[in-house]
């Protein structure tokens, strides 16, 4: 089993997201979220250090929009559900 090295607790939630980048938009879905970041499942992960505007469709209310920066990216095809294609982002509050 892999040790979880996260500093902050995360909630496992699946919310639709739209990533707005300099090259266009990408659709995805959150896997888990903390107050400082999230893992975003998507077919076209961005490179680390890229900045984006993240628009999260919440279950109620208006979408949440926040600037974010890619911290790490998994561009390989997923081997299983434990390592899906996507990226970890840090919120830029």
PDB file of N, CA and C in Angstrom:
ATOM      1  N   UNK A   1       0.849  -1.180   0.000  1.00  0.00           N
ATOM      2  CA  UNK A   1       0.000   0.000   0.000  1.00  0.00           C
ATOM      3  C   UNK A   1       0.899   1.250   0.000  1.00  0.00           C
ATOM      4  N   UNK A   2       0.515   2.248  -0.776  1.00  0.00           N
ATOM      5  CA  UNK A   2       1.284   3.483  -0.894  1.00  0.00           C
ATOM      6  C   UNK A   2       0.943   4.424   0.250  1.00  0.00           C
ATOM      7  N   UNK A   3       1.975   5.000   0.864  1.00  0.00           N
ATOM      8  CA  UNK A   3       1.773   5.936   1.966  1.00  0.00           C
ATOM      9  C   UNK A   3       1.250   7.262   1.429  1.00  0.00           C
ATOM     10  N   UNK A   4       0.202   7.797   2.053  1.00  0.00           N
ATOM     11  CA  UNK A   4      -0.361   9.088   1.671  1.00  0.00           C
ATOM     12  C   UNK A   4       0.465  10.190   2.328  1.00  0.00           C
ATOM     13  N   UNK A   5       1.128  11.024   1.524  1.00  0.00           N
ATOM     14  CA  UNK A   5       2.001  12.071   2.045  1.00  0.00           C
ATOM     15  C   UNK A   5       1.347  13.452   2.014  1.00  0.00           C
ATOM     16  N   UNK A   6       0.050  13.514   1.830  1.00  0.00           N
ATOM     17  CA  UNK A   6      -0.630  14.803   1.761  1.00  0.00           C
ATOM     18  C   UNK A   6      -0.607  15.507   3.108  1.00  0.00           C
ATOM     19  N   UNK A   7      -0.486  16.832   3.042  1.00  0.00           N
ATOM     20  CA  UNK A   7      -0.456  17.632   4.261  1.00  0.00           C
ATOM     21  C   UNK A   7      -1.856  17.958   4.772  1.00  0.00           C
ATOM     22  N   UNK A   8      -2.850  17.972   3.867  1.00  0.00           N
ATOM     23  CA  UNK A   8      -4.203  18.388   4.237  1.00  0.00           C
ATOM     24  C   UNK A   8      -5.199  17.304   3.845  1.00  0.00           C
ATOM     25  N   UNK A   9      -6.241  17.103   4.655  1.00  0.00           N
ATOM     26  CA  UNK A   9      -7.237  16.077   4.334  1.00  0.00           C
ATOM     27  C   UNK A   9      -7.995  16.421   3.057  1.00  0.00           C
ATOM     28  N   UNK A  10      -8.392  15.396   2.338  1.00  0.00           N
ATOM     29  CA  UNK A  10      -9.150  15.568   1.096  1.00  0.00           C
ATOM     30  C   UNK A  10     -10.490  14.864   1.204  1.00  0.00           C
ATOM     31  N   UNK A  11     -11.460  15.403   0.490  1.00  0.00           N
ATOM     32  CA  UNK A  11     -12.780  14.776   0.390  1.00  0.00           C
ATOM     33  C   UNK A  11     -12.909  14.168  -0.996  1.00  0.00           C
ATOM     34  N   UNK A  12     -13.355  12.923  -1.043  1.00  0.00           N
ATOM     35  CA  UNK A  12     -13.536  12.265  -2.327  1.00  0.00           C
ATOM     36  C   UNK A  12     -14.884  12.712  -2.904  1.00  0.00           C
ATOM     37  N   UNK A  13     -14.819  13.568  -3.918  1.00  0.00           N
ATOM     38  CA  UNK A  13     -16.028  14.072  -4.574  1.00  0.00           C
ATOM     39  C   UNK A  13     -15.820  14.041  -6.081  1.00  0.00           C
ATOM     40  N   UNK A  14     -16.873  13.763  -6.797  1.00  0.00           N
ATOM     41  CA  UNK A  14     -16.838  13.742  -8.263  1.00  0.00           C
ATOM     42  C   UNK A  14     -17.719  14.874  -8.780  1.00  0.00           C
ATOM     43  N   UNK A  15     -17.082  16.004  -9.100  1.00  0.00           N
ATOM     44  CA  UNK A  15     -17.783  17.160  -9.635  1.00  0.00           C
ATOM     45  C   UNK A  15     -17.241  17.462 -11.021  1.00  0.00           C
ATOM     46  N   UNK A  16     -18.113  17.763 -11.996  1.00  0.00           N
ATOM     47  CA  UNK A  16     -17.643  18.148 -13.330  1.00  0.00           C
ATOM     48  C   UNK A  16     -16.858  19.459 -13.260  1.00  0.00           C
ATOM     49  N   UNK A  17     -15.793  19.554 -14.055  1.00  0.00           N
ATOM     50  CA  UNK A  17     -14.982  20.763 -14.110  1.00  0.00           C
ATOM     51  C   UNK A  17     -14.677  21.121 -15.557  1.00  0.00           C
ATOM     52  N   UNK A  18     -14.463  22.413 -15.774  1.00  0.00           N
ATOM     53  CA  UNK A  18     -13.953  22.914 -17.045  1.00  0.00           C
ATOM     54  C   UNK A  18     -12.661  23.643 -16.747  1.00  0.00           C
ATOM     55  N   UNK A  19     -11.597  23.264 -17.454  1.00  0.00           N
ATOM     56  CA  UNK A  19     -10.291  23.878 -17.292  1.00  0.00           C
ATOM     57  C   UNK A  19     -10.100  24.856 -18.445  1.00  0.00           C
ATOM     58  N   UNK A  20      -9.918  26.122 -18.125  1.00  0.00           N
ATOM     59  CA  UNK A  20      -9.703  27.143 -19.147  1.00  0.00           C
ATOM     60  C   UNK A  20      -8.210  27.443 -19.186  1.00  0.00           C
ATOM     61  N   UNK A  21      -7.582  27.174 -20.344  1.00  0.00           N
ATOM     62  CA  UNK A  21      -6.137  27.363 -20.503  1.00  0.00           C
ATOM     63  C   UNK A  21      -5.882  28.346 -21.644  1.00  0.00           C
ATOM     64  N   UNK A  22      -4.632  28.672 -21.852  1.00  0.00           N
ATOM     65  CA  UNK A  22      -4.260  29.565 -22.957  1.00  0.00           C
ATOM     66  C   UNK A  22      -4.583  28.931 -24.309  1.00  0.00           C
ATOM     67  N   UNK A  23      -4.625  27.595 -24.371  1.00  0.00           N
ATOM     68  CA  UNK A  23      -4.891  26.893 -25.635  1.00  0.00           C
ATOM     69  C   UNK A  23      -6.360  26.533 -25.838  1.00  0.00           C
ATOM     70  N   UNK A  24      -7.206  26.745 -24.839  1.00  0.00           N
ATOM     71  CA  UNK A  24      -8.619  26.396 -24.967  1.00  0.00           C
ATOM     72  C   UNK A  24      -9.160  25.805 -23.680  1.00  0.00           C
ATOM     73  N   UNK A  25     -10.223  24.992 -23.808  1.00  0.00           N
ATOM     74  CA  UNK A  25     -10.856  24.402 -22.633  1.00  0.00           C
ATOM     75  C   UNK A  25     -10.729  22.882 -22.661  1.00  0.00           C
ATOM     76  N   UNK A  26     -10.719  22.305 -21.464  1.00  0.00           N
ATOM     77  CA  UNK A  26     -10.654  20.865 -21.287  1.00  0.00           C
ATOM     78  C   UNK A  26     -11.731  20.497 -20.269  1.00  0.00           C
ATOM     79  N   UNK A  27     -12.473  19.441 -20.536  1.00  0.00           N
ATOM     80  CA  UNK A  27     -13.480  18.937 -19.595  1.00  0.00           C
ATOM     81  C   UNK A  27     -12.848  17.865 -18.722  1.00  0.00           C
ATOM     82  N   UNK A  28     -13.275  17.807 -17.462  1.00  0.00           N
ATOM     83  CA  UNK A  28     -12.762  16.800 -16.547  1.00  0.00           C
ATOM     84  C   UNK A  28     -13.701  16.603 -15.383  1.00  0.00           C
ATOM     85  N   UNK A  29     -13.179  15.969 -14.335  1.00  0.00           N
ATOM     86  CA  UNK A  29     -13.970  15.673 -13.147  1.00  0.00           C
ATOM     87  C   UNK A  29     -13.028  15.610 -11.952  1.00  0.00           C
ATOM     88  N   UNK A  30     -13.462  16.181 -10.826  1.00  0.00           N
ATOM     89  CA  UNK A  30     -12.642  16.067  -9.630  1.00  0.00           C
ATOM     90  C   UNK A  30     -12.666  14.631  -9.145  1.00  0.00           C
ATOM     91  N   UNK A  31     -11.581  14.215  -8.539  1.00  0.00           N
ATOM     92  CA  UNK A  31     -11.486  12.906  -7.880  1.00  0.00           C
ATOM     93  C   UNK A  31     -11.524  13.115  -6.369  1.00  0.00           C
ATOM     94  N   UNK A  32     -10.741  14.097  -5.918  1.00  0.00           N
ATOM     95  CA  UNK A  32     -10.747  14.498  -4.523  1.00  0.00           C
ATOM     96  C   UNK A  32     -10.340  15.968  -4.434  1.00  0.00           C
ATOM     97  N   UNK A  33     -10.772  16.613  -3.345  1.00  0.00           N
ATOM     98  CA  UNK A  33     -10.577  18.053  -3.197  1.00  0.00           C
ATOM     99  C   UNK A  33     -10.210  18.373  -1.750  1.00  0.00           C
ATOM    100  N   UNK A  34      -9.275  19.318  -1.573  1.00  0.00           N
ATOM    101  CA  UNK A  34      -8.996  19.882  -0.249  1.00  0.00           C
ATOM    102  C   UNK A  34      -9.162  21.394  -0.377  1.00  0.00           C
ATOM    103  N   UNK A  35      -8.942  22.124   0.685  1.00  0.00           N
ATOM    104  CA  UNK A  35      -9.067  23.579   0.576  1.00  0.00           C
ATOM    105  C   UNK A  35      -7.901  24.191  -0.188  1.00  0.00           C
ATOM    106  N   UNK A  36      -6.845  23.418  -0.452  1.00  0.00           N
ATOM    107  CA  UNK A  36      -5.672  23.941  -1.156  1.00  0.00           C
ATOM    108  C   UNK A  36      -5.451  23.349  -2.542  1.00  0.00           C
ATOM    109  N   UNK A  37      -6.187  22.286  -2.911  1.00  0.00           N
ATOM    110  CA  UNK A  37      -5.951  21.692  -4.219  1.00  0.00           C
ATOM    111  C   UNK A  37      -6.901  20.553  -4.514  1.00  0.00           C
ATOM    112  N   UNK A  38      -6.657  19.903  -5.665  1.00  0.00           N
ATOM    113  CA  UNK A  38      -7.529  18.814  -6.095  1.00  0.00           C
ATOM    114  C   UNK A  38      -6.802  17.926  -7.084  1.00  0.00           C
ATOM    115  N   UNK A  39      -7.317  16.701  -7.244  1.00  0.00           N
ATOM    116  CA  UNK A  39      -6.903  15.857  -8.349  1.00  0.00           C
ATOM    117  C   UNK A  39      -8.022  15.915  -9.376  1.00  0.00           C
ATOM    118  N   UNK A  40      -7.656  16.236 -10.619  1.00  0.00           N
ATOM    119  CA  UNK A  40      -8.620  16.358 -11.705  1.00  0.00           C
ATOM    120  C   UNK A  40      -8.397  15.216 -12.690  1.00  0.00           C
ATOM    121  N   UNK A  41      -9.408  14.389 -12.891  1.00  0.00           N
ATOM    122  CA  UNK A  41      -9.362  13.363 -13.936  1.00  0.00           C
ATOM    123  C   UNK A  41      -9.666  14.048 -15.266  1.00  0.00           C
ATOM    124  N   UNK A  42      -8.824  13.806 -16.262  1.00  0.00           N
ATOM    125  CA  UNK A  42      -9.088  14.353 -17.590  1.00  0.00           C
ATOM    126  C   UNK A  42      -8.245  13.590 -18.610  1.00  0.00           C
ATOM    127  N   UNK A  43      -8.659  13.616 -19.858  1.00  0.00           N
ATOM    128  CA  UNK A  43      -7.958  12.898 -20.914  1.00  0.00           C
ATOM    129  C   UNK A  43      -6.731  13.642 -21.422  1.00  0.00           C
ATOM    130  N   UNK A  44      -6.671  14.952 -21.185  1.00  0.00           N
ATOM    131  CA  UNK A  44      -5.557  15.764 -21.677  1.00  0.00           C
ATOM    132  C   UNK A  44      -4.907  16.544 -20.535  1.00  0.00           C
ATOM    133  N   UNK A  45      -4.197  15.853 -19.630  1.00  0.00           N
ATOM    134  CA  UNK A  45      -3.565  16.564 -18.512  1.00  0.00           C
ATOM    135  C   UNK A  45      -2.546  17.590 -19.000  1.00  0.00           C
ATOM    136  N   UNK A  46      -2.429  18.669 -18.258  1.00  0.00           N
ATOM    137  CA  UNK A  46      -1.478  19.730 -18.600  1.00  0.00           C
ATOM    138  C   UNK A  46      -0.117  19.441 -17.973  1.00  0.00           C
ATOM    139  N   UNK A  47       0.887  20.146 -18.416  1.00  0.00           N
ATOM    140  CA  UNK A  47       2.232  20.004 -17.880  1.00  0.00           C
ATOM    141  C   UNK A  47       2.350  20.693 -16.520  1.00  0.00           C
ATOM    142  N   UNK A  48       3.220  20.171 -15.636  1.00  0.00           N
ATOM    143  CA  UNK A  48       3.446  20.840 -14.354  1.00  0.00           C
ATOM    144  C   UNK A  48       3.852  22.299 -14.556  1.00  0.00           C
ATOM    145  N   UNK A  49       3.421  23.137 -13.649  1.00  0.00           N
ATOM    146  CA  UNK A  49       3.650  24.585 -13.605  1.00  0.00           C
ATOM    147  C   UNK A  49       2.675  25.383 -14.468  1.00  0.00           C
ATOM    148  N   UNK A  50       1.893  24.720 -15.337  1.00  0.00           N
ATOM    149  CA  UNK A  50       0.916  25.470 -16.144  1.00  0.00           C
ATOM    150  C   UNK A  50      -0.168  26.029 -15.228  1.00  0.00           C
ATOM    151  N   UNK A  51      -0.627  27.234 -15.568  1.00  0.00           N
ATOM    152  CA  UNK A  51      -1.705  27.889 -14.821  1.00  0.00           C
ATOM    153  C   UNK A  51      -2.998  27.795 -15.631  1.00  0.00           C
ATOM    154  N   UNK A  52      -4.116  27.785 -14.905  1.00  0.00           N
ATOM    155  CA  UNK A  52      -5.411  27.638 -15.556  1.00  0.00           C
ATOM    156  C   UNK A  52      -6.489  28.243 -14.688  1.00  0.00           C
ATOM    157  N   UNK A  53      -7.652  28.436 -15.265  1.00  0.00           N
ATOM    158  CA  UNK A  53      -8.839  28.824 -14.512  1.00  0.00           C
ATOM    159  C   UNK A  53      -9.702  27.582 -14.420  1.00  0.00           C
ATOM    160  N   UNK A  54     -10.054  27.210 -13.218  1.00  0.00           N
ATOM    161  CA  UNK A  54     -10.835  26.008 -12.964  1.00  0.00           C
ATOM    162  C   UNK A  54     -12.261  26.419 -12.621  1.00  0.00           C
ATOM    163  N   UNK A  55     -13.229  25.899 -13.368  1.00  0.00           N
ATOM    164  CA  UNK A  55     -14.638  26.156 -13.093  1.00  0.00           C
ATOM    165  C   UNK A  55     -15.276  24.836 -12.664  1.00  0.00           C
ATOM    166  N   UNK A  56     -15.686  24.763 -11.401  1.00  0.00           N
ATOM    167  CA  UNK A  56     -16.222  23.533 -10.811  1.00  0.00           C
ATOM    168  C   UNK A  56     -17.736  23.643 -10.719  1.00  0.00           C
ATOM    169  N   UNK A  57     -18.440  22.657 -11.287  1.00  0.00           N
ATOM    170  CA  UNK A  57     -19.898  22.618 -11.197  1.00  0.00           C
ATOM    171  C   UNK A  57     -20.270  21.904  -9.907  1.00  0.00           C
ATOM    172  N   UNK A  58     -20.744  22.670  -8.925  1.00  0.00           N
ATOM    173  CA  UNK A  58     -21.112  22.134  -7.616  1.00  0.00           C
ATOM    174  C   UNK A  58     -22.527  21.567  -7.659  1.00  0.00           C
ATOM    175  N   UNK A  59     -22.883  20.686  -6.723  1.00  0.00           N
ATOM    176  CA  UNK A  59     -24.234  20.107  -6.713  1.00  0.00           C
ATOM    177  C   UNK A  59     -25.341  21.150  -6.572  1.00  0.00           C
ATOM    178  N   UNK A  60     -25.052  22.259  -5.870  1.00  0.00           N
ATOM    179  CA  UNK A  60     -26.031  23.334  -5.717  1.00  0.00           C
ATOM    180  C   UNK A  60     -25.337  24.674  -5.906  1.00  0.00           C
ATOM    181  N   UNK A  61     -26.075  25.642  -6.369  1.00  0.00           N
ATOM    182  CA  UNK A  61     -25.527  26.987  -6.521  1.00  0.00           C
ATOM    183  C   UNK A  61     -24.752  27.183  -7.818  1.00  0.00           C
ATOM    184  N   UNK A  62     -24.116  28.315  -7.898  1.00  0.00           N
ATOM    185  CA  UNK A  62     -23.342  28.682  -9.079  1.00  0.00           C
ATOM    186  C   UNK A  62     -22.017  27.937  -9.108  1.00  0.00           C
ATOM    187  N   UNK A  63     -21.434  27.781 -10.320  1.00  0.00           N
ATOM    188  CA  UNK A  63     -20.113  27.156 -10.402  1.00  0.00           C
ATOM    189  C   UNK A  63     -19.074  27.967  -9.626  1.00  0.00           C
ATOM    190  N   UNK A  64     -18.121  27.261  -9.051  1.00  0.00           N
ATOM    191  CA  UNK A  64     -17.011  27.876  -8.331  1.00  0.00           C
ATOM    192  C   UNK A  64     -15.867  28.056  -9.314  1.00  0.00           C
ATOM    193  N   UNK A  65     -15.315  29.264  -9.393  1.00  0.00           N
ATOM    194  CA  UNK A  65     -14.187  29.520 -10.279  1.00  0.00           C
ATOM    195  C   UNK A  65     -12.979  29.907  -9.444  1.00  0.00           C
ATOM    196  N   UNK A  66     -11.851  29.272  -9.733  1.00  0.00           N
ATOM    197  CA  UNK A  66     -10.624  29.529  -8.985  1.00  0.00           C
ATOM    198  C   UNK A  66      -9.426  29.339  -9.913  1.00  0.00           C
ATOM    199  N   UNK A  67      -8.425  30.197  -9.749  1.00  0.00           N
ATOM    200  CA  UNK A  67      -7.171  30.021 -10.482  1.00  0.00           C
ATOM    201  C   UNK A  67      -6.420  28.866  -9.853  1.00  0.00           C
ATOM    202  N   UNK A  68      -5.695  28.109 -10.681  1.00  0.00           N
ATOM    203  CA  UNK A  68      -4.949  26.960 -10.180  1.00  0.00           C
ATOM    204  C   UNK A  68      -3.664  26.795 -10.978  1.00  0.00           C
ATOM    205  N   UNK A  69      -2.747  26.015 -10.397  1.00  0.00           N
ATOM    206  CA  UNK A  69      -1.489  25.699 -11.063  1.00  0.00           C
ATOM    207  C   UNK A  69      -1.287  24.193 -10.975  1.00  0.00           C
ATOM    208  N   UNK A  70      -0.850  23.592 -12.077  1.00  0.00           N
ATOM    209  CA  UNK A  70      -0.601  22.154 -12.107  1.00  0.00           C
ATOM    210  C   UNK A  70       0.659  21.862 -11.293  1.00  0.00           C
ATOM    211  N   UNK A  71       0.548  20.935 -10.340  1.00  0.00           N
ATOM    212  CA  UNK A  71       1.667  20.540  -9.499  1.00  0.00           C
ATOM    213  C   UNK A  71       2.329  19.277 -10.063  1.00  0.00           C
ATOM    214  N   UNK A  72       1.511  18.322 -10.496  1.00  0.00           N
ATOM    215  CA  UNK A  72       2.022  17.107 -11.115  1.00  0.00           C
ATOM    216  C   UNK A  72       0.988  16.595 -12.107  1.00  0.00           C
ATOM    217  N   UNK A  73       1.445  15.753 -13.030  1.00  0.00           N
ATOM    218  CA  UNK A  73       0.569  15.298 -14.102  1.00  0.00           C
ATOM    219  C   UNK A  73       0.830  13.838 -14.431  1.00  0.00           C
ATOM    220  N   UNK A  74      -0.237  13.071 -14.658  1.00  0.00           N
ATOM    221  CA  UNK A  74      -0.154  11.678 -15.073  1.00  0.00           C
ATOM    222  C   UNK A  74      -0.711  11.603 -16.484  1.00  0.00           C
ATOM    223  N   UNK A  75       0.174  11.631 -17.475  1.00  0.00           N
ATOM    224  CA  UNK A  75      -0.262  11.620 -18.874  1.00  0.00           C
ATOM    225  C   UNK A  75      -0.335  10.221 -19.455  1.00  0.00           C
ATOM    226  N   UNK A  76       0.159   9.224 -18.723  1.00  0.00           N
ATOM    227  CA  UNK A  76       0.139   7.848 -19.216  1.00  0.00           C
ATOM    228  C   UNK A  76      -1.266   7.272 -19.117  1.00  0.00           C
ATOM    229  N   UNK A  77      -1.522   6.254 -19.914  1.00  0.00           N
ATOM    230  CA  UNK A  77      -2.798   5.560 -19.807  1.00  0.00           C
ATOM    231  C   UNK A  77      -2.900   4.924 -18.433  1.00  0.00           C
ATOM    232  N   UNK A  78      -4.083   4.988 -17.815  1.00  0.00           N
ATOM    233  CA  UNK A  78      -4.218   4.418 -16.476  1.00  0.00           C
ATOM    234  C   UNK A  78      -4.065   2.898 -16.507  1.00  0.00           C
ATOM    235  N   UNK A  79      -3.350   2.391 -15.520  1.00  0.00           N
ATOM    236  CA  UNK A  79      -3.206   0.947 -15.380  1.00  0.00           C
ATOM    237  C   UNK A  79      -4.445   0.392 -14.685  1.00  0.00           C
ATOM    238  N   UNK A  80      -4.938   1.119 -13.709  1.00  0.00           N
ATOM    239  CA  UNK A  80      -6.146   0.733 -12.990  1.00  0.00           C
ATOM    240  C   UNK A  80      -6.776   1.981 -12.373  1.00  0.00           C
ATOM    241  N   UNK A  81      -7.840   1.800 -11.650  1.00  0.00           N
ATOM    242  CA  UNK A  81      -8.556   2.923 -11.032  1.00  0.00           C
ATOM    243  C   UNK A  81      -7.709   3.662  -9.991  1.00  0.00           C
ATOM    244  N   UNK A  82      -6.655   3.019  -9.470  1.00  0.00           N
ATOM    245  CA  UNK A  82      -5.815   3.672  -8.469  1.00  0.00           C
ATOM    246  C   UNK A  82      -4.869   4.698  -9.066  1.00  0.00           C
ATOM    247  N   UNK A  83      -4.693   4.710 -10.395  1.00  0.00           N
ATOM    248  CA  UNK A  83      -3.799   5.675 -11.040  1.00  0.00           C
ATOM    249  C   UNK A  83      -4.457   6.169 -12.340  1.00  0.00           C
ATOM    250  N   UNK A  84      -5.545   6.930 -12.221  1.00  0.00           N
ATOM    251  CA  UNK A  84      -6.223   7.425 -13.419  1.00  0.00           C
ATOM    252  C   UNK A  84      -5.437   8.537 -14.105  1.00  0.00           C
ATOM    253  N   UNK A  85      -5.711   8.758 -15.386  1.00  0.00           N
ATOM    254  CA  UNK A  85      -5.091   9.867 -16.110  1.00  0.00           C
ATOM    255  C   UNK A  85      -5.649  11.166 -15.557  1.00  0.00           C
ATOM    256  N   UNK A  86      -4.770  12.118 -15.292  1.00  0.00           N
ATOM    257  CA  UNK A  86      -5.202  13.400 -14.761  1.00  0.00           C
ATOM    258  C   UNK A  86      -4.043  14.177 -14.181  1.00  0.00           C
ATOM    259  N   UNK A  87      -4.364  15.123 -13.267  1.00  0.00           N
ATOM    260  CA  UNK A  87      -3.324  15.986 -12.705  1.00  0.00           C
ATOM    261  C   UNK A  87      -3.730  16.507 -11.338  1.00  0.00           C
ATOM    262  N   UNK A  88      -2.714  16.802 -10.549  1.00  0.00           N
ATOM    263  CA  UNK A  88      -2.907  17.442  -9.264  1.00  0.00           C
ATOM    264  C   UNK A  88      -2.728  18.935  -9.436  1.00  0.00           C
ATOM    265  N   UNK A  89      -3.666  19.711  -8.919  1.00  0.00           N
ATOM    266  CA  UNK A  89      -3.565  21.175  -9.039  1.00  0.00           C
ATOM    267  C   UNK A  89      -3.594  21.808  -7.646  1.00  0.00           C
ATOM    268  N   UNK A  90      -2.926  22.956  -7.545  1.00  0.00           N
ATOM    269  CA  UNK A  90      -2.916  23.763  -6.327  1.00  0.00           C
ATOM    270  C   UNK A  90      -3.756  25.010  -6.602  1.00  0.00           C
ATOM    271  N   UNK A  91      -4.680  25.304  -5.711  1.00  0.00           N
ATOM    272  CA  UNK A  91      -5.498  26.507  -5.861  1.00  0.00           C
ATOM    273  C   UNK A  91      -4.654  27.728  -5.558  1.00  0.00           C
ATOM    274  N   UNK A  92      -4.848  28.791  -6.322  1.00  0.00           N
ATOM    275  CA  UNK A  92      -4.114  30.034  -6.152  1.00  0.00           C
ATOM    276  C   UNK A  92      -5.082  31.074  -5.565  1.00  0.00           C
ATOM    277  N   UNK A  93      -5.364  30.954  -4.280  1.00  0.00           N
ATOM    278  CA  UNK A  93      -6.323  31.863  -3.616  1.00  0.00           C
ATOM    279  C   UNK A  93      -5.806  33.249  -3.557  1.00  0.00           C
TER     280      UNK A  93
END
